[in-house]
N, C-alpha and C. Protein backbone atom coordinates (compact mmCIF):
# COMPACT_ATOMS: atom_id res chain seq x y z
N MET A 1 132.78 104.44 87.98
CA MET A 1 133.49 105.09 88.71
C MET A 1 133.71 106.26 88.85
N LYS A 2 134.74 106.64 88.57
CA LYS A 2 135.74 107.56 87.94
C LYS A 2 134.48 108.71 87.65
N LYS A 3 133.34 108.59 86.56
CA LYS A 3 132.53 109.33 86.06
C LYS A 3 132.07 110.20 86.77
N ILE A 4 130.92 109.35 88.02
CA ILE A 4 130.23 109.36 88.68
C ILE A 4 131.28 110.36 90.00
N PHE A 5 132.42 110.27 90.08
CA PHE A 5 133.04 111.27 91.26
C PHE A 5 133.67 112.34 90.23
N PHE A 6 133.82 112.49 89.09
CA PHE A 6 133.61 113.71 88.77
C PHE A 6 132.97 114.49 88.22
N SER A 7 131.96 113.81 87.92
CA SER A 7 130.25 114.19 87.93
C SER A 7 129.88 115.35 89.75
N LEU A 8 130.20 114.23 90.02
CA LEU A 8 130.03 114.71 91.94
C LEU A 8 130.60 116.20 92.15
N ILE A 9 131.97 116.03 91.82
CA ILE A 9 132.57 116.96 92.08
C ILE A 9 132.06 118.44 91.46
N LEU A 10 131.61 118.43 90.10
CA LEU A 10 131.14 119.30 89.29
C LEU A 10 130.00 119.68 89.90
N MET A 11 129.14 119.10 90.21
CA MET A 11 128.42 119.50 90.76
C MET A 11 128.14 120.67 91.85
N MET A 12 128.79 119.64 92.66
CA MET A 12 129.57 120.12 94.19
C MET A 12 129.96 121.87 93.67
N ALA A 13 130.64 122.08 93.07
CA ALA A 13 131.32 123.25 92.40
C ALA A 13 130.36 124.30 92.40
N THR A 14 129.50 123.92 91.48
CA THR A 14 128.66 124.70 91.26
C THR A 14 127.36 125.01 91.91
N MET A 15 126.87 123.99 93.12
CA MET A 15 126.22 124.44 93.83
C MET A 15 127.05 125.82 94.99
N GLN A 16 128.25 125.55 95.15
CA GLN A 16 129.23 126.56 95.90
C GLN A 16 128.63 127.81 94.89
N LEU A 17 128.80 127.99 93.42
CA LEU A 17 128.40 129.17 92.51
C LEU A 17 127.42 129.62 92.98
N PHE A 18 126.41 129.24 93.31
CA PHE A 18 124.75 129.25 93.56
C PHE A 18 125.01 130.24 94.87
N ALA A 19 125.60 129.78 95.96
CA ALA A 19 125.56 130.12 97.08
C ALA A 19 126.36 131.48 97.23
N GLN A 20 126.59 132.19 96.28
CA GLN A 20 127.71 133.20 96.80
C GLN A 20 126.37 134.48 96.76
N ASP A 21 126.63 135.68 97.46
CA ASP A 21 125.64 136.85 97.68
C ASP A 21 126.00 137.10 96.59
N ASN A 22 124.92 137.55 95.74
CA ASN A 22 125.04 138.93 94.37
C ASN A 22 125.42 140.28 94.53
N GLY A 23 125.31 140.94 95.85
CA GLY A 23 125.35 142.18 96.56
C GLY A 23 126.93 142.63 96.48
N VAL A 24 127.00 143.63 95.98
CA VAL A 24 128.56 144.19 96.53
C VAL A 24 128.08 145.23 97.12
N GLU A 25 128.55 145.46 98.37
CA GLU A 25 128.47 146.40 99.65
C GLU A 25 129.10 147.47 98.97
N MET A 26 129.75 147.58 99.08
CA MET A 26 130.93 148.41 98.36
C MET A 26 130.48 149.62 97.19
N ALA A 27 130.28 148.82 96.07
CA ALA A 27 129.44 149.64 94.95
C ALA A 27 127.90 150.13 95.33
N ASP A 28 127.13 149.49 96.14
CA ASP A 28 126.47 150.23 96.64
C ASP A 28 126.79 151.19 97.33
N SER A 29 127.32 151.54 98.13
CA SER A 29 127.47 152.47 98.99
C SER A 29 127.81 153.68 98.08
N LEU A 30 128.97 153.45 96.96
CA LEU A 30 129.51 154.50 95.96
C LEU A 30 128.57 154.49 95.76
N ARG A 31 127.51 154.00 95.27
CA ARG A 31 126.24 154.46 94.34
C ARG A 31 125.69 155.26 94.81
N SER A 32 125.47 155.03 96.17
CA SER A 32 124.54 155.75 97.10
C SER A 32 125.04 157.22 97.58
N ASN A 33 126.43 157.54 97.62
CA ASN A 33 126.36 158.47 97.65
C ASN A 33 127.24 159.49 96.45
N GLY A 34 127.12 158.68 95.15
CA GLY A 34 127.93 159.46 93.97
C GLY A 34 128.76 159.63 93.46
N LYS A 35 129.95 158.91 94.42
CA LYS A 35 131.06 158.64 94.37
C LYS A 35 131.73 157.61 93.13
N ILE A 36 130.71 157.01 92.91
CA ILE A 36 130.62 155.62 91.91
C ILE A 36 131.09 156.67 90.44
N TYR A 37 130.82 157.61 90.04
CA TYR A 37 131.03 158.56 89.25
C TYR A 37 132.53 158.86 88.90
N VAL A 38 133.13 159.46 90.22
CA VAL A 38 134.74 159.37 90.16
C VAL A 38 134.97 158.62 89.82
N VAL A 39 135.24 157.37 90.61
CA VAL A 39 135.81 156.28 90.19
C VAL A 39 135.68 155.88 88.38
N VAL A 40 134.27 156.15 87.88
CA VAL A 40 134.16 155.63 86.39
C VAL A 40 134.96 156.87 85.25
N VAL A 41 134.84 157.76 86.33
CA VAL A 41 135.68 159.41 85.60
C VAL A 41 137.24 158.85 85.63
N CYS A 42 137.62 158.34 87.12
CA CYS A 42 139.29 158.00 86.94
C CYS A 42 139.54 157.14 86.04
N ILE A 43 138.74 155.78 85.93
CA ILE A 43 139.07 154.51 85.26
C ILE A 43 138.94 155.07 83.81
N VAL A 44 138.10 156.10 82.60
CA VAL A 44 138.19 156.57 81.94
C VAL A 44 139.46 157.23 81.42
N ILE A 45 139.63 158.26 82.44
CA ILE A 45 141.31 158.50 82.49
C ILE A 45 142.23 157.90 81.73
N ILE A 46 142.42 157.20 82.78
CA ILE A 46 143.48 155.97 82.89
C ILE A 46 143.34 155.27 81.20
N LEU A 47 141.74 154.59 81.24
CA LEU A 47 142.45 154.18 79.71
C LEU A 47 142.22 155.14 78.26
N VAL A 48 142.53 156.23 78.38
CA VAL A 48 142.36 157.41 77.54
C VAL A 48 143.74 157.81 77.35
N GLY A 49 144.67 157.93 78.60
CA GLY A 49 146.12 157.79 78.71
C GLY A 49 146.87 157.33 77.91
N LEU A 50 146.29 155.56 78.43
CA LEU A 50 147.31 154.68 77.87
C LEU A 50 146.93 154.48 76.32
N LEU A 51 145.64 154.82 75.49
CA LEU A 51 145.44 154.71 74.41
C LEU A 51 146.36 156.01 73.35
N ALA A 52 145.98 157.10 74.09
CA ALA A 52 147.08 158.17 73.88
C ALA A 52 148.39 158.02 73.81
N TYR A 53 148.94 156.99 74.72
CA TYR A 53 150.48 156.71 74.40
C TYR A 53 150.89 155.26 73.62
N LEU A 54 150.24 154.67 73.32
CA LEU A 54 149.93 153.83 72.37
C LEU A 54 149.88 154.07 70.77
N PHE A 55 148.91 155.23 70.77
CA PHE A 55 148.78 155.86 69.16
C PHE A 55 150.13 156.82 68.84
N SER A 56 150.46 157.16 69.91
CA SER A 56 152.07 157.95 69.70
C SER A 56 153.20 156.76 69.62
N ILE A 57 153.24 155.99 70.18
CA ILE A 57 153.72 155.15 69.93
C ILE A 57 154.27 154.15 68.77
N ASP A 58 152.79 154.61 68.32
CA ASP A 58 152.56 153.50 66.55
C ASP A 58 153.30 154.72 65.64
N ARG A 59 152.75 155.79 65.80
CA ARG A 59 153.25 157.19 65.41
C ARG A 59 154.44 157.14 64.93
N ARG A 60 155.30 156.79 65.87
CA ARG A 60 157.15 157.03 66.03
C ARG A 60 157.87 155.77 65.02
N LEU A 61 156.63 154.29 65.47
CA LEU A 61 157.08 153.06 64.70
C LEU A 61 157.09 153.36 63.62
N LYS A 62 156.18 153.64 62.74
CA LYS A 62 155.83 154.12 61.47
C LYS A 62 156.64 154.73 60.89
N LYS A 63 157.09 156.10 61.46
CA LYS A 63 158.24 157.32 61.24
C LYS A 63 159.63 156.31 61.46
N ILE A 64 160.44 155.62 62.42
CA ILE A 64 161.23 154.90 62.38
C ILE A 64 161.33 153.86 60.88
N GLU A 65 159.93 153.25 60.87
CA GLU A 65 160.07 152.56 59.65
C GLU A 65 159.83 152.73 58.41
N LYS A 66 159.41 153.74 58.69
CA LYS A 66 159.95 154.50 56.77
C LYS A 66 161.31 155.30 56.59
N GLU A 67 161.68 155.34 57.57
CA GLU A 67 162.79 155.82 57.47
C GLU A 67 163.75 154.91 57.34
N ASN A 68 164.00 153.60 58.07
CA ASN A 68 164.47 152.57 57.58
C ASN A 68 163.71 151.81 55.64
N HIS A 69 163.39 152.14 55.89
CA HIS A 69 163.13 151.90 54.08
C HIS A 69 163.30 152.81 53.07
N ILE A 70 163.45 153.83 53.25
CA ILE A 70 163.89 154.70 52.17
C ILE A 70 165.44 154.19 52.38
N SER A 71 166.11 154.27 53.61
CA SER A 71 167.95 154.03 53.39
C SER A 71 168.31 152.85 53.22
N ASP A 72 166.87 152.20 52.93
CA ASP A 72 167.50 150.64 52.48
C ASP A 72 167.23 150.43 50.86
N LYS A 73 166.84 151.86 50.18
CA LYS A 73 167.10 151.38 48.98
C LYS A 73 168.42 151.98 48.40
């Protein structure tokens, strides 16, 4: 009985997923106006900034570890 009930719940959950509309109106309107490229450029700028920040932290950390290793000897 538990297996049938569990199977029924899972089947209902998957049917709800199929009922969703796949069209995203906001993305379609941004794409038609050419503004989607502005969004993509902003995301790329943010990701490049985060990567640059992480690399700078990594360089500083390596420098500190190197100084600490030299002073331990």
